Amino acid sequence: MTSTIQTTQIKPCTLTQLAAIYGVHVRTMKKWISPHQEAIGQKQGRIYTALQVKVIFEKLGLPGLATD
């Protein structure tokens, strides 16, 4: 059995970039992030820092991986 691990580079992103990574609309991304806002923290201008993006990936799951 072969297992493929998808790697996602963690770098600072805008909300639009995050939505594109997850393949959803910006409004949907806002709704997904909203319950985790306290853990994620405030954006730095328009950008989520790499650490914030890491937290988003932890809270929402890695993009492109199906969860059962």
N, C-alpha and C. Protein backbone atom coordinates (compact mmCIF):
# COMPACT_ATOMS: atom_id res chain seq x y z
N MET A 1 0.84 -1.18 0.00
CA MET A 1 0.00 0.00 0.00
C MET A 1 0.89 1.23 0.00
N THR A 2 0.65 2.11 -0.93
CA THR A 2 1.46 3.32 -1.06
C THR A 2 0.69 4.51 -0.49
N SER A 3 1.40 5.31 0.28
CA SER A 3 0.79 6.50 0.88
C SER A 3 1.46 7.73 0.33
N THR A 4 0.66 8.70 -0.09
CA THR A 4 1.19 9.95 -0.62
C THR A 4 0.90 11.05 0.38
N ILE A 5 1.92 11.77 0.77
CA ILE A 5 1.75 12.88 1.69
C ILE A 5 1.88 14.17 0.89
N GLN A 6 0.83 14.98 0.96
CA GLN A 6 0.83 16.26 0.28
C GLN A 6 1.46 17.29 1.20
N THR A 7 2.42 18.03 0.70
CA THR A 7 3.03 19.08 1.50
C THR A 7 2.51 20.43 1.04
N THR A 8 2.22 21.26 1.99
CA THR A 8 1.75 22.60 1.72
C THR A 8 2.73 23.57 2.35
N GLN A 9 3.25 24.47 1.56
CA GLN A 9 4.19 25.45 2.08
C GLN A 9 3.42 26.46 2.93
N ILE A 10 3.90 26.66 4.13
CA ILE A 10 3.26 27.62 5.02
C ILE A 10 3.97 28.95 4.87
N LYS A 11 3.22 29.93 4.35
CA LYS A 11 3.77 31.27 4.15
C LYS A 11 2.65 32.28 4.39
N PRO A 12 2.98 33.54 4.61
CA PRO A 12 1.94 34.55 4.81
C PRO A 12 0.98 34.59 3.63
N CYS A 13 -0.33 34.73 3.92
CA CYS A 13 -1.35 34.72 2.87
C CYS A 13 -2.45 35.72 3.18
N THR A 14 -3.08 36.20 2.13
CA THR A 14 -4.30 37.00 2.29
C THR A 14 -5.48 36.04 2.40
N LEU A 15 -6.62 36.56 2.78
CA LEU A 15 -7.83 35.75 2.86
C LEU A 15 -8.18 35.18 1.48
N THR A 16 -8.00 35.98 0.45
CA THR A 16 -8.26 35.53 -0.92
C THR A 16 -7.36 34.37 -1.30
N GLN A 17 -6.09 34.44 -0.93
CA GLN A 17 -5.15 33.36 -1.22
C GLN A 17 -5.53 32.08 -0.47
N LEU A 18 -5.92 32.23 0.80
CA LEU A 18 -6.35 31.07 1.58
C LEU A 18 -7.58 30.42 0.97
N ALA A 19 -8.53 31.25 0.55
CA ALA A 19 -9.74 30.72 -0.08
C ALA A 19 -9.38 29.94 -1.35
N ALA A 20 -8.44 30.45 -2.12
CA ALA A 20 -8.01 29.76 -3.34
C ALA A 20 -7.33 28.43 -3.01
N ILE A 21 -6.54 28.40 -1.95
CA ILE A 21 -5.87 27.17 -1.54
C ILE A 21 -6.90 26.10 -1.17
N TYR A 22 -7.95 26.51 -0.46
CA TYR A 22 -8.99 25.58 -0.05
C TYR A 22 -10.04 25.35 -1.14
N GLY A 23 -10.01 26.16 -2.19
CA GLY A 23 -10.95 25.99 -3.30
C GLY A 23 -12.36 26.42 -2.97
N VAL A 24 -12.48 27.47 -2.14
CA VAL A 24 -13.79 27.98 -1.75
C VAL A 24 -13.84 29.48 -2.00
N HIS A 25 -15.05 30.05 -1.89
CA HIS A 25 -15.23 31.49 -2.03
C HIS A 25 -14.73 32.19 -0.77
N VAL A 26 -14.36 33.45 -0.90
CA VAL A 26 -13.85 34.23 0.23
C VAL A 26 -14.86 34.27 1.37
N ARG A 27 -16.14 34.41 1.05
CA ARG A 27 -17.17 34.44 2.10
C ARG A 27 -17.21 33.13 2.89
N THR A 28 -17.05 32.02 2.19
CA THR A 28 -17.02 30.72 2.86
C THR A 28 -15.80 30.63 3.77
N MET A 29 -14.66 31.11 3.29
CA MET A 29 -13.44 31.08 4.10
C MET A 29 -13.61 31.90 5.37
N LYS A 30 -14.25 33.06 5.25
CA LYS A 30 -14.52 33.89 6.44
C LYS A 30 -15.36 33.14 7.45
N LYS A 31 -16.39 32.43 6.97
CA LYS A 31 -17.26 31.67 7.86
C LYS A 31 -16.50 30.54 8.55
N TRP A 32 -15.59 29.89 7.82
CA TRP A 32 -14.81 28.81 8.39
C TRP A 32 -13.84 29.32 9.45
N ILE A 33 -13.24 30.48 9.21
CA ILE A 33 -12.24 31.05 10.12
C ILE A 33 -12.89 31.67 11.35
N SER A 34 -14.07 32.21 11.20
CA SER A 34 -14.74 32.97 12.26
C SER A 34 -14.76 32.27 13.62
N PRO A 35 -15.13 31.00 13.73
CA PRO A 35 -15.18 30.36 15.05
C PRO A 35 -13.80 30.21 15.71
N HIS A 36 -12.74 30.33 14.93
CA HIS A 36 -11.38 30.12 15.43
C HIS A 36 -10.60 31.44 15.54
N GLN A 37 -11.31 32.56 15.44
CA GLN A 37 -10.65 33.87 15.39
C GLN A 37 -9.76 34.12 16.61
N GLU A 38 -10.19 33.68 17.79
CA GLU A 38 -9.39 33.91 18.99
C GLU A 38 -8.04 33.19 18.92
N ALA A 39 -8.03 31.97 18.42
CA ALA A 39 -6.78 31.21 18.29
C ALA A 39 -5.90 31.75 17.17
N ILE A 40 -6.53 32.24 16.10
CA ILE A 40 -5.79 32.73 14.94
C ILE A 40 -5.22 34.11 15.19
N GLY A 41 -6.01 34.99 15.77
CA GLY A 41 -5.57 36.36 16.03
C GLY A 41 -5.89 37.29 14.88
N GLN A 42 -5.54 38.56 15.06
CA GLN A 42 -5.81 39.58 14.05
C GLN A 42 -4.79 39.52 12.91
N LYS A 43 -5.29 39.81 11.71
CA LYS A 43 -4.39 39.89 10.54
C LYS A 43 -3.45 41.06 10.71
N GLN A 44 -2.32 40.98 10.06
CA GLN A 44 -1.35 42.07 10.01
C GLN A 44 -1.62 42.85 8.73
N GLY A 45 -2.48 43.84 8.81
CA GLY A 45 -2.93 44.54 7.60
C GLY A 45 -3.88 43.62 6.85
N ARG A 46 -3.54 43.23 5.64
CA ARG A 46 -4.35 42.31 4.85
C ARG A 46 -3.85 40.88 4.91
N ILE A 47 -2.76 40.66 5.62
CA ILE A 47 -2.05 39.39 5.57
C ILE A 47 -2.17 38.61 6.88
N TYR A 48 -2.40 37.30 6.76
CA TYR A 48 -2.24 36.41 7.89
C TYR A 48 -0.78 35.98 7.89
N THR A 49 -0.12 36.02 9.05
CA THR A 49 1.29 35.63 9.15
C THR A 49 1.41 34.12 8.93
N ALA A 50 2.64 33.67 8.73
CA ALA A 50 2.88 32.23 8.54
C ALA A 50 2.40 31.44 9.75
N LEU A 51 2.61 31.96 10.96
CA LEU A 51 2.15 31.28 12.17
C LEU A 51 0.62 31.20 12.20
N GLN A 52 -0.05 32.27 11.78
CA GLN A 52 -1.52 32.27 11.72
C GLN A 52 -2.02 31.27 10.67
N VAL A 53 -1.34 31.20 9.54
CA VAL A 53 -1.72 30.25 8.49
C VAL A 53 -1.56 28.82 9.02
N LYS A 54 -0.51 28.58 9.78
CA LYS A 54 -0.30 27.26 10.38
C LYS A 54 -1.47 26.91 11.31
N VAL A 55 -1.91 27.86 12.12
CA VAL A 55 -3.05 27.64 13.02
C VAL A 55 -4.32 27.36 12.20
N ILE A 56 -4.52 28.10 11.13
CA ILE A 56 -5.68 27.88 10.26
C ILE A 56 -5.65 26.46 9.70
N PHE A 57 -4.49 26.01 9.23
CA PHE A 57 -4.36 24.65 8.70
C PHE A 57 -4.67 23.63 9.79
N GLU A 58 -4.22 23.89 11.02
CA GLU A 58 -4.48 22.97 12.12
C GLU A 58 -5.97 22.93 12.46
N LYS A 59 -6.62 24.07 12.45
CA LYS A 59 -8.04 24.14 12.81
C LYS A 59 -8.95 23.60 11.71
N LEU A 60 -8.64 23.89 10.46
CA LEU A 60 -9.51 23.52 9.34
C LEU A 60 -9.07 22.23 8.64
N GLY A 61 -7.88 21.77 8.94
CA GLY A 61 -7.33 20.63 8.23
C GLY A 61 -6.52 21.10 7.04
N LEU A 62 -5.63 20.27 6.59
CA LEU A 62 -4.80 20.65 5.45
C LEU A 62 -5.65 20.70 4.18
N PRO A 63 -5.40 21.70 3.34
CA PRO A 63 -6.17 21.81 2.09
C PRO A 63 -5.96 20.59 1.20
N GLY A 64 -7.03 20.13 0.60
CA GLY A 64 -6.94 19.04 -0.35
C GLY A 64 -6.95 17.64 0.26
N LEU A 65 -6.97 17.56 1.58
CA LEU A 65 -7.03 16.24 2.22
C LEU A 65 -8.43 16.00 2.75
N ALA A 66 -9.01 14.91 2.34
CA ALA A 66 -10.35 14.56 2.80
C ALA A 66 -10.27 14.00 4.22
N THR A 67 -11.20 14.42 5.05
CA THR A 67 -11.25 13.88 6.41
C THR A 67 -12.44 12.95 6.54
N ASP A 68 -12.23 11.84 7.18
CA ASP A 68 -13.31 10.85 7.36
C ASP A 68 -13.89 10.96 8.75
